[in-house]
Amino acid sequence: MANVKIVVKDNGAFRVTGDVELVDFEGHPFEAKEAFSLCRCGLSAKMPYCDGSHKGKFQSVVRAPKAENKDLEK
């Protein structure tokens, strides 16, 4: 199985790398690419792809919750 990685960029897009297929709600595929950025601000003229329209107009910094270290509880 191929390794797919999605990175949530600060104040920007979702960066997708790996062997992944992107399809619309009806199942029609978008152009296949090895890596691409998906818009998450809704301002892109090239939806679902990011075109950089978010710059200076969109703020969102998302971090995953930090895992608790079970060794510290002992």
C-alpha atoms as a PDB file:
ATOM      1  CA  MET A   1       0.000   0.000   0.000  1.00  0.00           C
ATOM      2  CA  ALA A   2       1.317   3.432  -0.934  1.00  0.00           C
ATOM      3  CA  ASN A   3       2.067   5.979   1.754  1.00  0.00           C
ATOM      4  CA  VAL A   4      -0.142   9.082   1.589  1.00  0.00           C
ATOM      5  CA  LYS A   5       0.635  12.180   3.639  1.00  0.00           C
ATOM      6  CA  ILE A   6      -1.580  15.239   4.160  1.00  0.00           C
ATOM      7  CA  VAL A   7       0.028  18.269   5.797  1.00  0.00           C
ATOM      8  CA  VAL A   8      -2.154  21.082   7.163  1.00  0.00           C
ATOM      9  CA  LYS A   9      -0.219  24.209   6.209  1.00  0.00           C
ATOM     10  CA  ASP A  10      -0.361  27.221   8.531  1.00  0.00           C
ATOM     11  CA  ASN A  11      -2.690  29.851   7.025  1.00  0.00           C
ATOM     12  CA  GLY A  12      -2.871  27.807   3.847  1.00  0.00           C
ATOM     13  CA  ALA A  13      -3.815  24.638   2.046  1.00  0.00           C
ATOM     14  CA  PHE A  14      -3.810  20.914   2.711  1.00  0.00           C
ATOM     15  CA  ARG A  15      -0.633  19.572   1.005  1.00  0.00           C
ATOM     16  CA  VAL A  16      -1.226  16.036  -0.282  1.00  0.00           C
ATOM     17  CA  THR A  17       1.605  13.718  -1.375  1.00  0.00           C
ATOM     18  CA  GLY A  18       1.589  10.052  -2.276  1.00  0.00           C
ATOM     19  CA  ASP A  19      -0.438   7.742  -4.481  1.00  0.00           C
ATOM     20  CA  VAL A  20      -3.960   9.095  -3.993  1.00  0.00           C
ATOM     21  CA  GLU A  21      -6.974   9.545  -6.260  1.00  0.00           C
ATOM     22  CA  LEU A  22      -9.065  12.715  -5.909  1.00  0.00           C
ATOM     23  CA  VAL A  23     -12.679  12.406  -7.083  1.00  0.00           C
ATOM     24  CA  ASP A  24     -15.728  14.672  -6.964  1.00  0.00           C
ATOM     25  CA  PHE A  25     -19.004  13.770  -5.214  1.00  0.00           C
ATOM     26  CA  GLU A  26     -20.205  11.869  -8.296  1.00  0.00           C
ATOM     27  CA  GLY A  27     -16.993   9.824  -8.450  1.00  0.00           C
ATOM     28  CA  HIS A  28     -15.427  11.635 -11.411  1.00  0.00           C
ATOM     29  CA  PRO A  29     -11.645  11.881 -11.042  1.00  0.00           C
ATOM     30  CA  PHE A  30      -9.664  15.098 -11.063  1.00  0.00           C
ATOM     31  CA  GLU A  31      -6.325  15.210 -12.904  1.00  0.00           C
ATOM     32  CA  ALA A  32      -3.871  12.791 -11.275  1.00  0.00           C
ATOM     33  CA  LYS A  33      -0.832  14.450  -9.679  1.00  0.00           C
ATOM     34  CA  GLU A  34       2.018  13.130  -7.494  1.00  0.00           C
ATOM     35  CA  ALA A  35       1.552  16.053  -5.093  1.00  0.00           C
ATOM     36  CA  PHE A  36      -1.024  18.814  -4.851  1.00  0.00           C
ATOM     37  CA  SER A  37      -2.499  21.364  -2.468  1.00  0.00           C
ATOM     38  CA  LEU A  38      -6.212  21.441  -1.661  1.00  0.00           C
ATOM     39  CA  CYS A  39      -7.908  24.735  -0.867  1.00  0.00           C
ATOM     40  CA  ARG A  40      -9.313  25.052   2.633  1.00  0.00           C
ATOM     41  CA  CYS A  41     -10.207  28.760   2.620  1.00  0.00           C
ATOM     42  CA  GLY A  42     -12.776  28.658  -0.209  1.00  0.00           C
ATOM     43  CA  LEU A  43     -11.164  31.526  -2.146  1.00  0.00           C
ATOM     44  CA  SER A  44      -9.375  29.570  -4.892  1.00  0.00           C
ATOM     45  CA  ALA A  45     -10.409  30.042  -8.521  1.00  0.00           C
ATOM     46  CA  LYS A  46      -9.034  26.539  -9.241  1.00  0.00           C
ATOM     47  CA  MET A  47     -11.116  24.564  -6.726  1.00  0.00           C
ATOM     48  CA  PRO A  48     -10.538  22.058  -5.285  1.00  0.00           C
ATOM     49  CA  TYR A  49      -6.877  22.991  -5.735  1.00  0.00           C
ATOM     50  CA  CYS A  50      -5.215  25.889  -3.952  1.00  0.00           C
ATOM     51  CA  ASP A  51      -4.107  28.810  -6.141  1.00  0.00           C
ATOM     52  CA  GLY A  52      -2.668  30.961  -3.343  1.00  0.00           C
ATOM     53  CA  SER A  53      -5.699  33.272  -3.093  1.00  0.00           C
ATOM     54  CA  HIS A  54      -5.653  32.785   0.690  1.00  0.00           C
ATOM     55  CA  LYS A  55      -2.503  34.851   1.187  1.00  0.00           C
ATOM     56  CA  GLY A  56      -3.279  37.676   3.593  1.00  0.00           C
ATOM     57  CA  LYS A  57      -6.990  36.769   3.690  1.00  0.00           C
ATOM     58  CA  PHE A  58      -7.118  33.510   5.648  1.00  0.00           C
ATOM     59  CA  GLN A  59      -5.781  32.626   9.070  1.00  0.00           C
ATOM     60  CA  SER A  60      -5.867  29.135  10.469  1.00  0.00           C
ATOM     61  CA  VAL A  61      -3.200  27.292  12.406  1.00  0.00           C
ATOM     62  CA  VAL A  62      -4.180  23.745  13.332  1.00  0.00           C
ATOM     63  CA  ARG A  63      -2.134  21.413  15.516  1.00  0.00           C
ATOM     64  CA  ALA A  64      -2.774  17.790  16.397  1.00  0.00           C
ATOM     65  CA  PRO A  65      -3.292  17.113  20.105  1.00  0.00           C
ATOM     66  CA  LYS A  66      -0.096  16.091  21.823  1.00  0.00           C
ATOM     67  CA  ALA A  67      -0.055  12.450  22.841  1.00  0.00           C
ATOM     68  CA  GLU A  68       0.227  11.850  26.557  1.00  0.00           C
ATOM     69  CA  ASN A  69       3.469  10.209  27.564  1.00  0.00           C
ATOM     70  CA  LYS A  70       2.477   7.093  29.527  1.00  0.00           C
ATOM     71  CA  ASP A  71       6.056   6.701  30.885  1.00  0.00           C
ATOM     72  CA  LEU A  72       5.739   9.949  32.870  1.00  0.00           C
ATOM     73  CA  GLU A  73       2.787   8.544  34.848  1.00  0.00           C
ATOM     74  CA  LYS A  74       4.915   5.840  36.490  1.00  0.00           C
END
